[in-house]
């Protein structure tokens, strides 16, 4: 009886590991977060998450279902603009995952979600997360097969807007 249970448990563990193992080809996953957006781009063990939806936690469910088991690292979190239905889940993502680079639109929007995002970002910056202001021409590379180039805003506009921000000492990335 014990051998059968051990065999069933081992089979279940193997299934969990291999069903979450990253695929060889890049993946584009549109997360169902209700109103708002959250798009996961994944290639092997590298991810780019575009927006996070509202703070309902649906983005975390999508990440758990689609990222490799035990992978708690996200290479890039890209926030396209500061509406609550695009940034609301960002503090949850920042709390649950290690994010290497946060790429933001250099605009600000007074809201409770934006203030919570600012607090989370400042906390994570002290833990090594880099904050970049997105501008036209900025390249984000997940791998040799997956690269993104931002189309907007123009760098001069981004620098002006970024100067008004409170994410502090972050600098624009080199092109």
Protein backbone atom coordinates (compact mmCIF):
# COMPACT_ATOMS: atom_id res chain seq x y z
CA UNK A 1 0.00 0.00 0.00
CA UNK A 2 2.83 2.38 0.92
CA UNK A 3 4.55 1.72 -2.42
CA UNK A 4 1.39 2.58 -4.32
CA UNK A 5 0.96 5.86 -2.42
CA UNK A 6 4.64 6.70 -2.93
CA UNK A 7 4.30 5.97 -6.65
CA UNK A 8 1.17 8.14 -6.93
CA UNK A 9 2.82 10.97 -5.02
CA UNK A 10 5.97 10.76 -7.16
CA UNK A 11 3.86 10.81 -10.33
CA UNK A 12 1.99 13.86 -9.09
CA UNK A 13 5.25 15.69 -8.26
CA UNK A 14 6.72 14.90 -11.68
CA UNK A 15 3.54 16.08 -13.37
CA UNK A 16 3.66 19.38 -11.45
CA UNK A 17 7.30 19.98 -12.33
CA UNK A 18 7.05 19.10 -16.01
CA UNK A 19 3.69 20.76 -16.64
CA UNK A 20 5.24 24.04 -15.43
CA UNK A 21 8.61 23.55 -17.12
CA UNK A 22 9.33 26.41 -19.54
CA UNK A 23 8.80 25.74 -23.20
CA UNK A 24 11.51 26.13 -25.81
CA UNK A 25 9.45 28.60 -27.86
CA UNK A 26 8.46 32.05 -26.57
CA UNK A 27 4.96 32.35 -25.14
CA UNK A 28 2.53 35.27 -25.10
CA UNK A 29 -0.10 34.89 -22.38
CA UNK A 30 -3.03 37.26 -21.92
CA UNK A 31 -3.98 37.04 -18.27
CA UNK A 32 -7.66 37.29 -17.37
CA UNK A 33 -7.58 40.02 -14.73
CA UNK A 34 -11.09 41.35 -15.27
CA UNK A 35 -11.02 45.00 -16.24
CA UNK A 36 -7.54 46.13 -17.22
CA UNK A 37 -4.55 44.39 -18.71
CA UNK A 38 -1.84 41.94 -17.76
CA UNK A 39 0.25 40.29 -20.46
CA UNK A 40 2.99 37.78 -19.71
CA UNK A 41 5.74 37.23 -22.25
CA UNK A 42 7.87 34.24 -21.41
CA UNK A 43 10.86 32.51 -22.93
CA UNK A 44 12.40 29.69 -20.94
CA UNK A 45 13.05 31.09 -17.45
CA UNK A 46 12.76 34.78 -18.41
CA UNK A 47 9.58 36.81 -18.17
CA UNK A 48 8.29 40.25 -19.04
CA UNK A 49 4.98 41.25 -17.48
CA UNK A 50 3.13 44.15 -19.10
CA UNK A 51 0.73 45.75 -16.60
CA UNK A 52 -0.90 43.96 -13.69
CA UNK A 53 -4.62 44.68 -13.79
CA UNK A 54 -6.47 45.76 -10.66
CA UNK A 55 -5.42 44.72 -7.18
CA UNK A 56 -7.75 41.72 -7.17
CA UNK A 57 -4.90 39.21 -7.18
CA UNK A 58 -5.89 37.69 -10.54
CA UNK A 59 -2.46 38.53 -11.94
CA UNK A 60 -0.85 36.35 -9.25
CA UNK A 61 -3.09 33.46 -10.23
CA UNK A 62 -2.02 33.86 -13.87
CA UNK A 63 1.66 33.96 -12.92
CA UNK A 64 1.35 30.85 -10.73
CA UNK A 65 -0.41 28.96 -13.53
CA UNK A 66 2.02 29.94 -16.29
CA UNK A 67 5.46 30.47 -14.83
CA UNK A 68 7.83 27.58 -14.13
CA UNK A 69 7.32 25.94 -10.76
CA UNK A 70 9.55 27.55 -8.09
CA UNK A 71 10.43 30.48 -10.39
CA UNK A 72 9.83 33.66 -8.40
CA UNK A 73 11.86 35.98 -10.64
CA UNK A 74 10.47 38.35 -13.25
CA UNK A 75 13.01 40.06 -15.47
CA UNK A 76 10.90 43.06 -16.44
CA UNK A 77 7.68 44.57 -15.11
CA UNK A 78 6.50 47.15 -17.65
CA UNK A 79 3.75 49.55 -16.55
CA UNK A 80 2.29 51.30 -19.60
CA UNK A 81 0.41 53.99 -17.70
CA UNK A 82 -0.74 54.75 -14.19
CA UNK A 83 -4.46 53.94 -14.34
CA UNK A 84 -5.55 51.67 -11.50
CA UNK A 85 -6.65 48.90 -13.86
CA UNK A 86 -3.05 48.68 -15.12
CA UNK A 87 -1.03 49.18 -11.90
CA UNK A 88 -3.35 47.97 -9.13
CA UNK A 89 -1.80 44.50 -8.94
CA UNK A 90 1.81 45.75 -9.16
CA UNK A 91 2.38 45.91 -5.38
CA UNK A 92 1.18 42.29 -5.13
CA UNK A 93 3.60 41.25 -7.88
CA UNK A 94 6.45 43.18 -6.25
CA UNK A 95 5.71 41.51 -2.91
CA UNK A 96 5.43 38.00 -4.35
CA UNK A 97 8.24 38.03 -6.91
CA UNK A 98 11.74 39.35 -7.33
CA UNK A 99 11.58 41.88 -10.18
CA UNK A 100 14.90 42.85 -11.75
CA UNK A 101 13.71 45.89 -13.72
CA UNK A 102 10.61 48.03 -13.37
CA UNK A 103 10.00 50.02 -16.54
CA UNK A 104 7.44 52.77 -16.11
CA UNK A 105 5.72 55.36 -18.15
CA UNK A 106 7.13 58.57 -16.69
CA UNK A 107 3.71 59.99 -15.85
CA UNK A 108 2.13 60.19 -12.43
CA UNK A 109 -1.50 59.95 -11.40
CA UNK A 110 -2.76 60.85 -7.99
CA UNK A 111 -4.61 57.82 -6.68
CA UNK A 112 -4.44 55.40 -3.78
CA UNK A 113 -3.11 52.70 -6.15
CA UNK A 114 -0.36 54.99 -7.45
CA UNK A 115 0.68 55.94 -3.90
CA UNK A 116 0.79 52.27 -2.91
CA UNK A 117 2.87 51.52 -6.01
CA UNK A 118 5.33 54.28 -5.09
CA UNK A 119 5.76 52.83 -1.60
CA UNK A 120 6.34 49.33 -2.98
CA UNK A 121 8.83 50.59 -5.57
CA UNK A 122 10.86 52.54 -3.04
CA UNK A 123 11.00 49.48 -0.80
CA UNK A 124 12.08 47.17 -3.64
CA UNK A 125 14.71 49.61 -4.92
CA UNK A 126 16.53 49.12 -1.62
CA UNK A 127 16.55 45.39 -2.38
CA UNK A 128 18.20 45.86 -5.78
CA UNK A 129 15.33 46.36 -8.22
CA UNK A 130 16.26 48.89 -10.91
CA UNK A 131 13.68 51.44 -12.04
CA UNK A 132 13.82 52.69 -15.62
CA UNK A 133 11.73 55.30 -17.34
CA UNK A 134 10.40 53.97 -20.61
CA UNK A 135 11.08 56.02 -23.72
CA UNK A 136 11.14 55.50 -27.47
CA UNK A 137 14.10 53.34 -28.44
CA UNK A 138 14.57 51.59 -25.10
CA UNK A 139 15.24 47.90 -25.75
CA UNK A 140 14.23 45.11 -23.42
CA UNK A 141 15.72 41.71 -24.24
CA UNK A 142 14.43 38.52 -22.63
CA UNK A 143 16.68 36.31 -24.71
CA UNK A 144 18.34 36.16 -28.10
CA UNK A 145 14.91 35.35 -29.58
CA UNK A 146 12.73 37.84 -27.70
CA UNK A 147 13.41 41.57 -27.72
CA UNK A 148 11.10 44.57 -27.40
CA UNK A 149 11.71 48.18 -28.43
CA UNK A 150 9.50 50.85 -26.89
CA UNK A 151 7.89 53.26 -29.33
CA UNK A 152 6.80 56.08 -27.05
CA UNK A 153 7.26 58.60 -25.42
CA UNK A 154 10.18 60.47 -26.97
CA UNK A 155 13.25 60.57 -24.70
CA UNK A 156 13.16 64.35 -24.12
CA UNK A 157 9.52 64.16 -23.02
CA UNK A 158 10.31 61.18 -20.78
CA UNK A 159 13.18 63.05 -19.11
CA UNK A 160 10.95 66.07 -18.38
CA UNK A 161 8.19 63.91 -16.95
CA UNK A 162 10.63 61.74 -14.99
CA UNK A 163 12.09 64.81 -13.26
CA UNK A 164 8.67 65.36 -11.64
CA UNK A 165 8.50 61.77 -10.35
CA UNK A 166 9.15 60.53 -6.87
CA UNK A 167 10.59 57.10 -7.71
CA UNK A 168 13.87 58.96 -6.99
CA UNK A 169 17.42 58.27 -8.14
CA UNK A 170 16.55 56.08 -11.12
CA UNK A 171 18.13 57.04 -14.41
CA UNK A 172 17.17 56.42 -17.98
CA UNK A 173 18.75 53.35 -19.47
CA UNK A 174 21.33 53.68 -22.19
CA UNK A 175 20.05 52.93 -25.64
